[in-house]
């Protein structure tokens, strides 16, 4: 049982938003016992907060300041709050710095792929700031994927993709990378990973055929 709890436990920071979109941190003792905050630190050193180390209270709302110049996309770390509460002296929260866009899912995964048999999947490109955008072009790096349809959705675009698995060679799986070029912005990457059906058995059979006969 956690005797010191906080909300939120995980924080997503957006460098272009006001104060990086940093929410207030609510921290309290489960038993309603008073405590004082003694120190607040972060992995990046970019998150600061003012507090009175002599103020005893069973709960606090911490308003933090973020130095956005120190944030890097994909960066993550901890916010550690040290207290004088003997039962639970530390509270640790986690943060992650987001870019302008993300994809759902982060990686398109599917199994039971068969070489040459197309599979239809979906992926959505989303603007983390809730802004509309246009897609200029979409390109498959390995040529296994083509776009069947793109549909406008709130904050992004849903893509219907047809992936044609290549012939099985020496791997149980295959991958492709889809470059989605956003107009007047950046390239968003959609990762695809497929696993062949009965791949292990097929590879063993191919290896047996390749062995020299005695």
N, C-alpha and C. Protein backbone atom coordinates (compact mmCIF):
# COMPACT_ATOMS: atom_id res chain seq x y z
N UNK A 1 0.84 -1.20 0.00
CA UNK A 1 0.00 0.00 0.00
C UNK A 1 0.87 1.25 0.00
N UNK A 2 0.60 2.18 -0.91
CA UNK A 2 1.33 3.44 -0.96
C UNK A 2 0.74 4.40 0.07
N UNK A 3 1.58 4.90 0.98
CA UNK A 3 1.09 5.81 2.00
C UNK A 3 1.18 7.27 1.57
N UNK A 4 1.87 7.50 0.45
CA UNK A 4 1.94 8.83 -0.15
C UNK A 4 1.55 8.67 -1.61
N UNK A 5 0.57 9.41 -2.06
CA UNK A 5 0.13 9.25 -3.44
C UNK A 5 0.04 10.58 -4.16
N UNK A 6 0.09 10.52 -5.49
CA UNK A 6 0.08 11.75 -6.28
C UNK A 6 -0.75 11.55 -7.54
N UNK A 7 -1.19 12.66 -8.08
CA UNK A 7 -1.87 12.70 -9.37
C UNK A 7 -1.35 13.91 -10.14
N UNK A 8 -1.00 13.76 -11.42
CA UNK A 8 -0.91 12.49 -12.14
C UNK A 8 0.37 11.74 -11.77
N UNK A 9 0.45 10.48 -12.17
CA UNK A 9 1.66 9.70 -11.92
C UNK A 9 2.61 9.77 -13.12
N UNK A 10 2.05 10.01 -14.30
CA UNK A 10 2.85 10.15 -15.51
C UNK A 10 2.45 11.45 -16.21
N UNK A 11 3.44 12.16 -16.72
CA UNK A 11 3.20 13.48 -17.31
C UNK A 11 3.77 13.52 -18.72
N UNK A 12 2.98 14.04 -19.65
CA UNK A 12 3.44 14.23 -21.03
C UNK A 12 3.67 15.72 -21.26
N UNK A 13 4.89 16.07 -21.64
CA UNK A 13 5.25 17.47 -21.86
C UNK A 13 5.27 17.79 -23.35
N UNK A 14 4.74 18.96 -23.69
CA UNK A 14 4.69 19.43 -25.07
C UNK A 14 5.49 20.73 -25.18
N UNK A 15 6.66 20.70 -25.80
CA UNK A 15 7.55 21.86 -25.82
C UNK A 15 6.93 23.14 -26.37
N UNK A 16 5.97 23.05 -27.28
CA UNK A 16 5.40 24.25 -27.89
C UNK A 16 4.19 24.79 -27.13
N UNK A 17 3.73 24.06 -26.12
CA UNK A 17 2.58 24.52 -25.34
C UNK A 17 3.05 25.44 -24.21
N UNK A 18 2.12 26.22 -23.67
CA UNK A 18 2.45 27.10 -22.55
C UNK A 18 2.93 26.27 -21.36
N UNK A 19 4.10 26.61 -20.85
CA UNK A 19 4.72 25.88 -19.74
C UNK A 19 4.81 24.38 -20.04
N UNK A 20 4.95 24.07 -21.35
CA UNK A 20 5.08 22.69 -21.84
C UNK A 20 3.88 21.82 -21.47
N UNK A 21 2.74 22.47 -21.16
CA UNK A 21 1.55 21.71 -20.79
C UNK A 21 1.66 21.02 -19.44
N UNK A 22 2.57 21.51 -18.61
CA UNK A 22 2.80 20.89 -17.30
C UNK A 22 1.57 21.06 -16.40
N UNK A 23 0.98 19.96 -15.93
CA UNK A 23 -0.20 20.07 -15.07
C UNK A 23 0.20 20.30 -13.61
N UNK A 24 -0.72 20.76 -12.77
CA UNK A 24 -0.45 20.81 -11.33
C UNK A 24 -0.24 19.39 -10.80
N UNK A 25 0.61 19.25 -9.81
CA UNK A 25 0.84 17.95 -9.18
C UNK A 25 0.15 17.95 -7.82
N UNK A 26 -0.73 17.00 -7.63
CA UNK A 26 -1.46 16.87 -6.37
C UNK A 26 -0.83 15.73 -5.57
N UNK A 27 -0.39 16.00 -4.35
CA UNK A 27 0.25 14.99 -3.52
C UNK A 27 -0.36 15.01 -2.13
N UNK A 28 -0.61 13.82 -1.57
CA UNK A 28 -1.23 13.76 -0.25
C UNK A 28 -0.85 12.47 0.46
N UNK A 29 -1.04 12.45 1.78
CA UNK A 29 -0.85 11.23 2.56
C UNK A 29 -2.18 10.50 2.63
N UNK A 30 -2.14 9.20 2.45
CA UNK A 30 -3.36 8.39 2.46
C UNK A 30 -4.03 8.43 3.83
N UNK A 31 -3.22 8.51 4.89
CA UNK A 31 -3.76 8.50 6.25
C UNK A 31 -4.13 9.89 6.75
N UNK A 32 -3.96 10.90 5.90
CA UNK A 32 -4.31 12.25 6.30
C UNK A 32 -3.34 12.88 7.28
N UNK A 33 -2.13 12.35 7.36
CA UNK A 33 -1.13 12.89 8.29
C UNK A 33 -0.36 14.03 7.63
N UNK A 34 -0.05 15.08 8.37
CA UNK A 34 0.66 16.23 7.78
C UNK A 34 2.13 15.91 7.49
N UNK A 35 2.66 16.58 6.50
CA UNK A 35 4.06 16.43 6.13
C UNK A 35 4.51 17.73 5.46
N UNK A 36 5.81 17.83 5.23
CA UNK A 36 6.36 19.00 4.55
C UNK A 36 7.18 18.54 3.34
N UNK A 37 7.15 19.33 2.28
CA UNK A 37 7.97 19.07 1.10
C UNK A 37 9.35 19.68 1.34
N UNK A 38 10.39 18.90 1.12
CA UNK A 38 11.74 19.36 1.39
C UNK A 38 12.57 19.60 0.13
N UNK A 39 12.25 18.90 -0.94
CA UNK A 39 13.05 19.06 -2.16
C UNK A 39 12.27 18.52 -3.35
N UNK A 40 12.41 19.20 -4.50
CA UNK A 40 11.82 18.73 -5.75
C UNK A 40 12.91 18.79 -6.82
N UNK A 41 13.22 17.65 -7.41
CA UNK A 41 14.25 17.59 -8.44
C UNK A 41 13.71 16.83 -9.65
N UNK A 42 14.36 17.04 -10.80
CA UNK A 42 13.98 16.32 -12.02
C UNK A 42 15.23 15.86 -12.74
N UNK A 43 15.09 14.80 -13.51
CA UNK A 43 16.23 14.24 -14.24
C UNK A 43 16.88 15.27 -15.15
N UNK A 44 16.05 16.04 -15.86
CA UNK A 44 16.57 17.01 -16.83
C UNK A 44 17.00 18.32 -16.17
N UNK A 45 16.60 18.54 -14.93
CA UNK A 45 16.89 19.81 -14.28
C UNK A 45 16.06 20.95 -14.81
N UNK A 46 15.04 20.63 -15.61
CA UNK A 46 14.25 21.65 -16.29
C UNK A 46 12.91 21.93 -15.62
N UNK A 47 12.60 21.18 -14.57
CA UNK A 47 11.31 21.35 -13.89
C UNK A 47 11.57 21.87 -12.48
N UNK A 48 11.05 23.05 -12.18
CA UNK A 48 11.26 23.70 -10.89
C UNK A 48 9.92 24.02 -10.25
N UNK A 49 9.92 24.16 -8.93
CA UNK A 49 8.70 24.54 -8.21
C UNK A 49 9.08 25.24 -6.92
N UNK A 50 8.27 26.22 -6.54
CA UNK A 50 8.47 26.92 -5.26
C UNK A 50 7.65 26.22 -4.18
N UNK A 51 8.21 26.13 -2.98
CA UNK A 51 7.49 25.53 -1.86
C UNK A 51 8.11 26.04 -0.56
N UNK A 52 7.33 25.95 0.50
CA UNK A 52 7.79 26.33 1.83
C UNK A 52 8.08 25.05 2.60
N UNK A 53 9.35 24.79 2.85
CA UNK A 53 9.75 23.56 3.51
C UNK A 53 9.30 23.45 4.96
N UNK A 54 8.77 24.53 5.52
CA UNK A 54 8.28 24.50 6.90
C UNK A 54 6.76 24.33 6.98
N UNK A 55 6.12 24.34 5.84
CA UNK A 55 4.66 24.25 5.80
C UNK A 55 4.21 22.80 5.94
N UNK A 56 3.50 22.48 7.02
CA UNK A 56 2.98 21.13 7.25
C UNK A 56 1.53 21.06 6.80
N UNK A 57 1.23 20.01 6.03
CA UNK A 57 -0.12 19.85 5.51
C UNK A 57 -0.31 18.40 5.08
N UNK A 58 -1.52 17.86 5.14
CA UNK A 58 -1.74 16.49 4.66
C UNK A 58 -1.80 16.39 3.14
N UNK A 59 -1.88 17.54 2.45
CA UNK A 59 -1.92 17.53 0.99
C UNK A 59 -1.39 18.84 0.43
N UNK A 60 -0.86 18.75 -0.80
CA UNK A 60 -0.31 19.93 -1.46
C UNK A 60 -0.68 19.90 -2.94
N UNK A 61 -0.79 21.07 -3.53
CA UNK A 61 -0.90 21.20 -4.98
C UNK A 61 0.34 21.97 -5.44
N UNK A 62 1.17 21.32 -6.24
CA UNK A 62 2.45 21.89 -6.66
C UNK A 62 2.32 22.46 -8.07
N UNK A 63 2.60 23.74 -8.22
CA UNK A 63 2.60 24.39 -9.52
C UNK A 63 4.05 24.49 -10.00
N UNK A 64 4.38 23.77 -11.04
CA UNK A 64 5.77 23.69 -11.50
C UNK A 64 6.02 24.60 -12.70
N UNK A 65 7.27 24.99 -12.86
CA UNK A 65 7.72 25.76 -14.02
C UNK A 65 8.66 24.88 -14.85
N UNK A 66 8.50 24.95 -16.17
CA UNK A 66 9.32 24.13 -17.06
C UNK A 66 10.17 25.03 -17.95
N UNK A 67 11.46 24.77 -17.97
CA UNK A 67 12.37 25.46 -18.90
C UNK A 67 12.33 24.70 -20.22
N UNK A 68 11.49 25.16 -21.15
CA UNK A 68 11.27 24.42 -22.40
C UNK A 68 12.53 24.36 -23.27
N UNK A 69 13.47 25.27 -23.06
CA UNK A 69 14.70 25.26 -23.86
C UNK A 69 15.54 24.02 -23.59
N UNK A 70 15.27 23.34 -22.47
CA UNK A 70 16.05 22.16 -22.11
C UNK A 70 15.37 20.86 -22.53
N UNK A 71 14.18 20.96 -23.11
CA UNK A 71 13.44 19.76 -23.48
C UNK A 71 13.86 19.25 -24.85
N UNK A 72 13.92 17.93 -24.98
CA UNK A 72 14.23 17.29 -26.25
C UNK A 72 13.18 16.21 -26.51
N UNK A 73 12.73 16.14 -27.76
CA UNK A 73 11.71 15.16 -28.12
C UNK A 73 12.17 13.75 -27.79
N UNK A 74 11.28 12.98 -27.18
CA UNK A 74 11.59 11.61 -26.81
C UNK A 74 12.28 11.48 -25.46
N UNK A 75 12.69 12.61 -24.90
CA UNK A 75 13.36 12.60 -23.60
C UNK A 75 12.37 12.19 -22.51
N UNK A 76 12.85 11.46 -21.54
CA UNK A 76 12.01 11.06 -20.42
C UNK A 76 12.82 11.05 -19.14
N UNK A 77 12.13 11.01 -18.03
CA UNK A 77 12.84 10.99 -16.76
C UNK A 77 11.91 11.01 -15.58
N UNK A 78 12.46 11.40 -14.44
CA UNK A 78 11.72 11.36 -13.18
C UNK A 78 11.62 12.75 -12.55
N UNK A 79 10.53 12.95 -11.85
CA UNK A 79 10.40 14.08 -10.93
C UNK A 79 10.35 13.47 -9.54
N UNK A 80 11.33 13.81 -8.71
CA UNK A 80 11.41 13.22 -7.37
C UNK A 80 11.05 14.28 -6.33
N UNK A 81 10.07 13.96 -5.50
CA UNK A 81 9.63 14.86 -4.44
C UNK A 81 10.05 14.26 -3.10
N UNK A 82 10.97 14.95 -2.41
CA UNK A 82 11.43 14.47 -1.10
C UNK A 82 10.64 15.18 0.00
N UNK A 83 10.19 14.40 0.97
CA UNK A 83 9.39 14.95 2.07
C UNK A 83 10.00 14.55 3.41
N UNK A 84 9.42 15.07 4.49
CA UNK A 84 9.85 14.65 5.83
C UNK A 84 8.90 13.61 6.42
N UNK A 85 8.11 13.00 5.56
CA UNK A 85 7.13 12.01 6.01
C UNK A 85 7.84 10.67 6.21
N UNK A 86 7.98 10.26 7.47
CA UNK A 86 8.77 9.07 7.79
C UNK A 86 8.23 7.79 7.15
N UNK A 87 6.93 7.71 7.02
CA UNK A 87 6.33 6.48 6.49
C UNK A 87 6.62 6.30 5.00
N UNK A 88 6.82 7.42 4.28
CA UNK A 88 7.04 7.35 2.83
C UNK A 88 7.75 8.63 2.39
N UNK A 89 9.07 8.70 2.53
CA UNK A 89 9.78 9.98 2.36
C UNK A 89 9.91 10.48 0.92
N UNK A 90 9.70 9.62 -0.07
CA UNK A 90 9.87 10.04 -1.47
C UNK A 90 8.64 9.70 -2.30
N UNK A 91 8.34 10.58 -3.24
CA UNK A 91 7.34 10.30 -4.27
C UNK A 91 8.01 10.54 -5.62
N UNK A 92 7.89 9.58 -6.53
CA UNK A 92 8.52 9.69 -7.84
C UNK A 92 7.44 9.69 -8.92
N UNK A 93 7.49 10.68 -9.80
CA UNK A 93 6.61 10.75 -10.95
C UNK A 93 7.48 10.64 -12.21
N UNK A 94 6.86 10.27 -13.31
CA UNK A 94 7.60 10.08 -14.55
C UNK A 94 7.06 11.04 -15.63
N UNK A 95 7.97 11.55 -16.44
CA UNK A 95 7.55 12.45 -17.52
C UNK A 95 8.18 12.00 -18.84
N UNK A 96 7.54 12.41 -19.92
CA UNK A 96 8.04 12.14 -21.26
C UNK A 96 7.77 13.35 -22.13
N UNK A 97 8.73 13.70 -22.98
CA UNK A 97 8.59 14.86 -23.86
C UNK A 97 8.08 14.37 -25.22
N UNK A 98 6.93 14.88 -25.62
CA UNK A 98 6.33 14.48 -26.89
C UNK A 98 6.74 15.42 -28.02
N UNK A 99 6.69 14.91 -29.24
CA UNK A 99 6.90 15.75 -30.41
C UNK A 99 5.58 16.33 -30.88
N UNK A 100 5.57 16.87 -32.09
CA UNK A 100 4.33 17.44 -32.63
C UNK A 100 3.30 16.37 -32.94
N UNK A 101 3.79 15.18 -33.32
CA UNK A 101 2.88 14.13 -33.78
C UNK A 101 3.22 12.80 -33.09
N UNK A 102 2.22 11.91 -33.07
CA UNK A 102 2.48 10.53 -32.70
C UNK A 102 1.55 9.64 -33.51
N UNK A 103 1.82 8.35 -33.52
CA UNK A 103 0.98 7.42 -34.26
C UNK A 103 0.32 6.43 -33.31
N UNK A 104 -0.85 6.01 -33.68
CA UNK A 104 -1.57 4.97 -32.94
C UNK A 104 -1.96 3.88 -33.92
N UNK A 105 -1.46 2.65 -33.72
CA UNK A 105 -0.49 2.28 -32.69
C UNK A 105 0.90 2.82 -33.02
N UNK A 106 1.79 2.76 -32.05
CA UNK A 106 3.16 3.22 -32.28
C UNK A 106 3.84 2.35 -33.33
N UNK A 107 3.58 1.05 -33.26
CA UNK A 107 4.05 0.10 -34.27
C UNK A 107 2.88 -0.78 -34.69
N UNK A 108 2.67 -0.90 -36.00
CA UNK A 108 1.61 -1.77 -36.52
C UNK A 108 2.13 -3.21 -36.47
N UNK A 109 1.51 -4.03 -35.65
CA UNK A 109 1.93 -5.42 -35.48
C UNK A 109 0.86 -6.37 -36.01
N UNK A 110 1.27 -7.43 -36.69
CA UNK A 110 0.31 -8.45 -37.08
C UNK A 110 1.04 -9.79 -37.23
N UNK A 111 0.31 -10.85 -37.03
CA UNK A 111 0.89 -12.20 -37.11
C UNK A 111 0.17 -13.00 -38.19
N UNK A 112 0.60 -14.23 -38.36
CA UNK A 112 0.01 -15.14 -39.36
C UNK A 112 0.13 -14.59 -40.78
N UNK A 113 1.19 -13.82 -41.04
CA UNK A 113 1.41 -13.30 -42.39
C UNK A 113 1.87 -14.43 -43.31
N UNK A 114 1.44 -14.34 -44.57
CA UNK A 114 1.84 -15.33 -45.58
C UNK A 114 2.43 -14.57 -46.77
N UNK A 115 3.58 -15.04 -47.24
CA UNK A 115 4.27 -14.30 -48.29
C UNK A 115 3.37 -14.16 -49.52
N UNK A 116 3.28 -12.91 -49.99
CA UNK A 116 2.49 -12.59 -51.16
C UNK A 116 1.01 -12.40 -50.92
N UNK A 117 0.54 -12.65 -49.70
CA UNK A 117 -0.89 -12.50 -49.38
C UNK A 117 -1.08 -11.17 -48.63
N UNK A 118 -1.74 -10.18 -49.25
CA UNK A 118 -1.88 -8.85 -48.63
C UNK A 118 -2.66 -8.89 -47.32
N UNK A 119 -2.28 -8.00 -46.42
CA UNK A 119 -2.96 -7.82 -45.14
C UNK A 119 -3.36 -6.35 -45.03
N UNK A 120 -4.59 -6.09 -44.61
CA UNK A 120 -5.06 -4.71 -44.45
C UNK A 120 -5.03 -4.33 -42.97
N UNK A 121 -4.37 -3.21 -42.67
CA UNK A 121 -4.25 -2.73 -41.29
C UNK A 121 -4.54 -1.24 -41.27
N UNK A 122 -4.67 -0.69 -40.06
CA UNK A 122 -4.92 0.75 -39.92
C UNK A 122 -3.90 1.37 -38.98
N UNK A 123 -3.58 2.63 -39.25
CA UNK A 123 -2.73 3.43 -38.37
C UNK A 123 -3.24 4.86 -38.42
N UNK A 124 -3.14 5.56 -37.31
CA UNK A 124 -3.61 6.94 -37.23
C UNK A 124 -2.47 7.86 -36.85
N UNK A 125 -2.32 8.95 -37.60
CA UNK A 125 -1.32 9.98 -37.30
C UNK A 125 -2.05 11.12 -36.60
N UNK A 126 -1.58 11.48 -35.40
CA UNK A 126 -2.29 12.45 -34.55
C UNK A 126 -1.39 13.63 -34.21
N UNK A 127 -1.96 14.83 -34.27
CA UNK A 127 -1.25 16.04 -33.84
C UNK A 127 -1.43 16.20 -32.34
N UNK A 128 -0.33 16.22 -31.60
CA UNK A 128 -0.39 16.28 -30.14
C UNK A 128 -0.91 17.62 -29.61
N UNK A 129 -0.96 18.63 -30.48
CA UNK A 129 -1.45 19.94 -30.06
C UNK A 129 -2.90 20.16 -30.49
N UNK A 130 -3.52 19.11 -31.07
CA UNK A 130 -4.92 19.20 -31.46
C UNK A 130 -5.17 20.04 -32.69
N UNK A 131 -4.14 20.33 -33.49
CA UNK A 131 -4.30 21.18 -34.66
C UNK A 131 -4.51 20.35 -35.92
N UNK A 132 -5.28 20.91 -36.86
CA UNK A 132 -5.47 20.25 -38.15
C UNK A 132 -4.20 20.34 -38.98
N UNK A 133 -4.01 19.37 -39.85
CA UNK A 133 -2.85 19.38 -40.74
C UNK A 133 -3.19 18.59 -42.00
N UNK A 134 -2.37 18.78 -43.01
CA UNK A 134 -2.55 18.08 -44.27
C UNK A 134 -1.36 17.16 -44.53
N UNK A 135 -1.64 16.03 -45.13
CA UNK A 135 -0.59 15.09 -45.51
C UNK A 135 -0.19 15.37 -46.95
N UNK A 136 1.09 15.62 -47.15
CA UNK A 136 1.59 15.94 -48.49
C UNK A 136 1.86 14.68 -49.31
N UNK A 137 2.49 13.69 -48.68
CA UNK A 137 2.79 12.44 -49.39
C UNK A 137 3.04 11.33 -48.38
N UNK A 138 2.90 10.09 -48.87
CA UNK A 138 3.15 8.91 -48.04
C UNK A 138 4.00 7.95 -48.86
N UNK A 139 5.07 7.43 -48.26
CA UNK A 139 5.97 6.55 -49.01
C UNK A 139 6.39 5.36 -48.16
N UNK A 140 6.36 4.18 -48.77
CA UNK A 140 6.85 2.97 -48.12
C UNK A 140 8.33 2.81 -48.44
N UNK A 141 9.16 2.69 -47.41
CA UNK A 141 10.61 2.59 -47.62
C UNK A 141 10.99 1.31 -48.36
N UNK A 142 10.38 0.19 -47.99
CA UNK A 142 10.73 -1.09 -48.60
C UNK A 142 9.79 -1.51 -49.72
N UNK A 143 8.72 -0.74 -49.91
CA UNK A 143 7.81 -1.03 -51.00
C UNK A 143 6.79 -2.12 -50.72
N UNK A 144 6.68 -2.56 -49.47
CA UNK A 144 5.72 -3.61 -49.13
C UNK A 144 4.32 -3.05 -48.88
N UNK A 145 4.22 -1.73 -48.69
CA UNK A 145 2.97 -1.14 -48.22
C UNK A 145 2.44 -0.10 -49.20
N UNK A 146 1.13 -0.11 -49.38
CA UNK A 146 0.47 0.95 -50.15
C UNK A 146 -0.73 1.46 -49.36
N UNK A 147 -1.08 2.72 -49.59
CA UNK A 147 -2.20 3.34 -48.88
C UNK A 147 -3.48 3.13 -49.67
N UNK A 148 -4.45 2.48 -49.05
CA UNK A 148 -5.74 2.26 -49.71
C UNK A 148 -6.66 3.46 -49.52
N UNK A 149 -6.57 4.07 -48.33
CA UNK A 149 -7.48 5.18 -48.03
C UNK A 149 -6.91 6.00 -46.88
N UNK A 150 -7.16 7.30 -46.91
CA UNK A 150 -6.85 8.14 -45.75
C UNK A 150 -8.10 8.93 -45.39
N UNK A 151 -8.41 8.95 -44.10
CA UNK A 151 -9.66 9.54 -43.62
C UNK A 151 -9.37 10.55 -42.52
N UNK A 152 -9.96 11.75 -42.63
CA UNK A 152 -9.77 12.79 -41.62
C UNK A 152 -10.51 12.40 -40.35
N UNK A 153 -9.81 12.48 -39.23
CA UNK A 153 -10.40 12.23 -37.91
C UNK A 153 -10.00 13.39 -37.00
N UNK A 154 -10.64 13.54 -35.84
CA UNK A 154 -10.25 14.62 -34.93
C UNK A 154 -8.75 14.58 -34.61
N UNK A 155 -8.07 15.68 -34.84
CA UNK A 155 -6.64 15.86 -34.55
C UNK A 155 -5.71 15.06 -35.45
N UNK A 156 -6.25 14.41 -36.51
CA UNK A 156 -5.33 13.63 -37.33
C UNK A 156 -5.96 12.96 -38.53
N UNK A 157 -5.25 11.93 -39.01
CA UNK A 157 -5.68 11.17 -40.19
C UNK A 157 -5.56 9.68 -39.90
N UNK A 158 -6.60 8.93 -40.28
CA UNK A 158 -6.56 7.48 -40.19
C UNK A 158 -6.17 6.92 -41.56
N UNK A 159 -5.17 6.06 -41.57
CA UNK A 159 -4.67 5.48 -42.81
C UNK A 159 -5.05 4.00 -42.89
N UNK A 160 -5.61 3.61 -44.01
CA UNK A 160 -5.85 2.18 -44.27
C UNK A 160 -4.73 1.70 -45.17
N UNK A 161 -3.96 0.74 -44.69
CA UNK A 161 -2.76 0.30 -45.37
C UNK A 161 -2.89 -1.15 -45.84
N UNK A 162 -2.40 -1.41 -47.04
CA UNK A 162 -2.32 -2.80 -47.53
C UNK A 162 -0.85 -3.20 -47.56
N UNK A 163 -0.52 -4.19 -46.75
CA UNK A 163 0.87 -4.66 -46.66
C UNK A 163 0.96 -6.03 -47.30
N UNK A 164 1.87 -6.16 -48.26
CA UNK A 164 2.09 -7.44 -48.93
C UNK A 164 3.40 -8.04 -48.43
N UNK A 165 3.34 -9.09 -47.61
CA UNK A 165 4.56 -9.68 -47.06
C UNK A 165 5.47 -10.22 -48.16
N UNK A 166 6.77 -9.98 -48.06
CA UNK A 166 7.72 -10.51 -49.05
C UNK A 166 7.94 -12.00 -48.82
N UNK A 167 8.59 -12.69 -49.77
CA UNK A 167 8.89 -14.12 -49.58
C UNK A 167 9.74 -14.36 -48.33
N UNK A 168 9.47 -15.45 -47.65
CA UNK A 168 10.28 -15.81 -46.48
C UNK A 168 11.68 -16.18 -46.93
N UNK A 169 12.68 -15.58 -46.28
CA UNK A 169 14.07 -15.92 -46.59
C UNK A 169 14.71 -16.56 -45.37
N UNK A 170 15.35 -15.75 -44.54
CA UNK A 170 16.00 -16.31 -43.36
C UNK A 170 15.52 -15.63 -42.09
N UNK A 171 14.26 -15.26 -42.07
CA UNK A 171 13.75 -14.55 -40.90
C UNK A 171 12.33 -15.00 -40.60
N UNK A 172 11.96 -14.92 -39.32
CA UNK A 172 10.62 -15.27 -38.90
C UNK A 172 9.65 -14.11 -39.08
N UNK A 173 10.19 -12.93 -39.42
CA UNK A 173 9.35 -11.74 -39.52
C UNK A 173 9.89 -10.81 -40.60
N UNK A 174 9.16 -9.75 -40.86
CA UNK A 174 9.61 -8.72 -41.80
C UNK A 174 9.10 -7.37 -41.30
N UNK A 175 9.68 -6.30 -41.83
CA UNK A 175 9.28 -4.97 -41.38
C UNK A 175 9.23 -4.00 -42.55
N UNK A 176 8.53 -2.91 -42.33
CA UNK A 176 8.50 -1.82 -43.30
C UNK A 176 8.38 -0.51 -42.53
N UNK A 177 8.77 0.56 -43.16
CA UNK A 177 8.68 1.90 -42.57
C UNK A 177 7.89 2.78 -43.52
N UNK A 178 6.87 3.45 -42.99
CA UNK A 178 6.04 4.34 -43.79
C UNK A 178 6.38 5.77 -43.41
N UNK A 179 6.87 6.54 -44.37
CA UNK A 179 7.16 7.95 -44.15
C UNK A 179 5.94 8.79 -44.54
N UNK A 180 5.35 9.45 -43.55
CA UNK A 180 4.19 10.32 -43.79
C UNK A 180 4.68 11.76 -43.74
N UNK A 181 4.73 12.41 -44.89
CA UNK A 181 5.22 13.79 -44.96
C UNK A 181 4.07 14.76 -44.72
N UNK A 182 4.16 15.50 -43.60
CA UNK A 182 3.14 16.47 -43.24
C UNK A 182 3.46 17.79 -43.93
N UNK A 183 2.46 18.39 -44.57
CA UNK A 183 2.67 19.63 -45.31
C UNK A 183 3.17 20.74 -44.39
N UNK A 184 4.25 21.41 -44.82
CA UNK A 184 4.85 22.52 -44.08
C UNK A 184 5.28 22.13 -42.67
N UNK A 185 5.62 20.85 -42.49
CA UNK A 185 6.04 20.41 -41.15
C UNK A 185 7.10 19.33 -41.28
N UNK A 186 6.90 18.20 -40.65
CA UNK A 186 7.93 17.17 -40.56
C UNK A 186 7.44 15.85 -41.13
N UNK A 187 8.32 14.86 -41.12
CA UNK A 187 7.97 13.51 -41.56
C UNK A 187 7.68 12.65 -40.33
N UNK A 188 6.50 12.04 -40.33
CA UNK A 188 6.10 11.15 -39.24
C UNK A 188 6.30 9.72 -39.72
N UNK A 189 6.88 8.90 -38.86
CA UNK A 189 7.21 7.52 -39.25
C UNK A 189 6.22 6.54 -38.62
N UNK A 190 5.68 5.67 -39.46
CA UNK A 190 4.84 4.57 -39.00
C UNK A 190 5.64 3.28 -39.19
N UNK A 191 5.86 2.56 -38.10
CA UNK A 191 6.61 1.31 -38.17
C UNK A 191 5.64 0.13 -38.31
N UNK A 192 6.00 -0.81 -39.18
CA UNK A 192 5.18 -2.01 -39.38
C UNK A 192 6.05 -3.24 -39.15
N UNK A 193 5.50 -4.21 -38.43
CA UNK A 193 6.23 -5.45 -38.16
C UNK A 193 5.26 -6.61 -38.27
N UNK A 194 5.60 -7.55 -39.16
CA UNK A 194 4.75 -8.72 -39.36
C UNK A 194 5.50 -10.01 -39.05
N UNK A 195 4.77 -10.98 -38.53
CA UNK A 195 5.34 -12.30 -38.22
C UNK A 195 4.68 -13.33 -39.13
N UNK A 196 5.50 -14.15 -39.75
CA UNK A 196 4.98 -15.13 -40.69
C UNK A 196 4.25 -16.27 -39.97
N UNK A 197 3.20 -16.76 -40.61
CA UNK A 197 2.51 -17.95 -40.11
C UNK A 197 3.40 -19.16 -40.36
N UNK A 198 3.51 -20.03 -39.38
CA UNK A 198 4.31 -21.25 -39.48
C UNK A 198 5.74 -20.95 -39.94
N UNK A 199 6.26 -19.78 -39.58
CA UNK A 199 7.58 -19.37 -40.07
C UNK A 199 8.68 -20.34 -39.65
N UNK A 200 8.63 -20.78 -38.40
CA UNK A 200 9.68 -21.66 -37.90
C UNK A 200 9.73 -22.96 -38.69
N UNK A 201 8.55 -23.55 -38.92
CA UNK A 201 8.50 -24.81 -39.67
C UNK A 201 8.98 -24.63 -41.11
N UNK A 202 8.59 -23.50 -41.73
CA UNK A 202 8.97 -23.24 -43.12
C UNK A 202 10.48 -23.04 -43.24
N UNK A 203 11.07 -22.30 -42.29
CA UNK A 203 12.52 -22.07 -42.32
C UNK A 203 13.28 -23.38 -42.13
N UNK A 204 12.79 -24.22 -41.25
CA UNK A 204 13.45 -25.51 -41.04
C UNK A 204 13.40 -26.36 -42.31
N UNK A 205 12.27 -26.29 -43.01
CA UNK A 205 12.13 -27.04 -44.26
C UNK A 205 13.07 -26.49 -45.33
N UNK A 206 13.18 -25.15 -45.43
CA UNK A 206 14.09 -24.54 -46.40
C UNK A 206 15.54 -24.89 -46.09
N UNK A 207 15.88 -24.90 -44.81
CA UNK A 207 17.25 -25.24 -44.42
C UNK A 207 17.59 -26.68 -44.77
N UNK A 208 16.61 -27.56 -44.61
CA UNK A 208 16.85 -28.97 -44.96
C UNK A 208 17.11 -29.11 -46.46
N UNK A 209 16.38 -28.33 -47.27
CA UNK A 209 16.56 -28.41 -48.72
C UNK A 209 17.91 -27.86 -49.15
N UNK A 210 18.43 -26.88 -48.38
CA UNK A 210 19.71 -26.26 -48.73
C UNK A 210 20.91 -27.09 -48.30
N UNK A 211 20.69 -28.07 -47.43
CA UNK A 211 21.82 -28.87 -46.96
C UNK A 211 22.32 -29.78 -48.09
N UNK A 212 23.64 -29.90 -48.23
CA UNK A 212 24.18 -30.79 -49.28
C UNK A 212 23.85 -32.25 -48.99
N UNK A 213 23.51 -32.97 -50.03
CA UNK A 213 23.19 -34.39 -49.86
C UNK A 213 24.47 -35.20 -49.74
N UNK A 214 24.43 -36.20 -48.87
CA UNK A 214 25.60 -37.07 -48.68
C UNK A 214 25.53 -38.27 -49.62
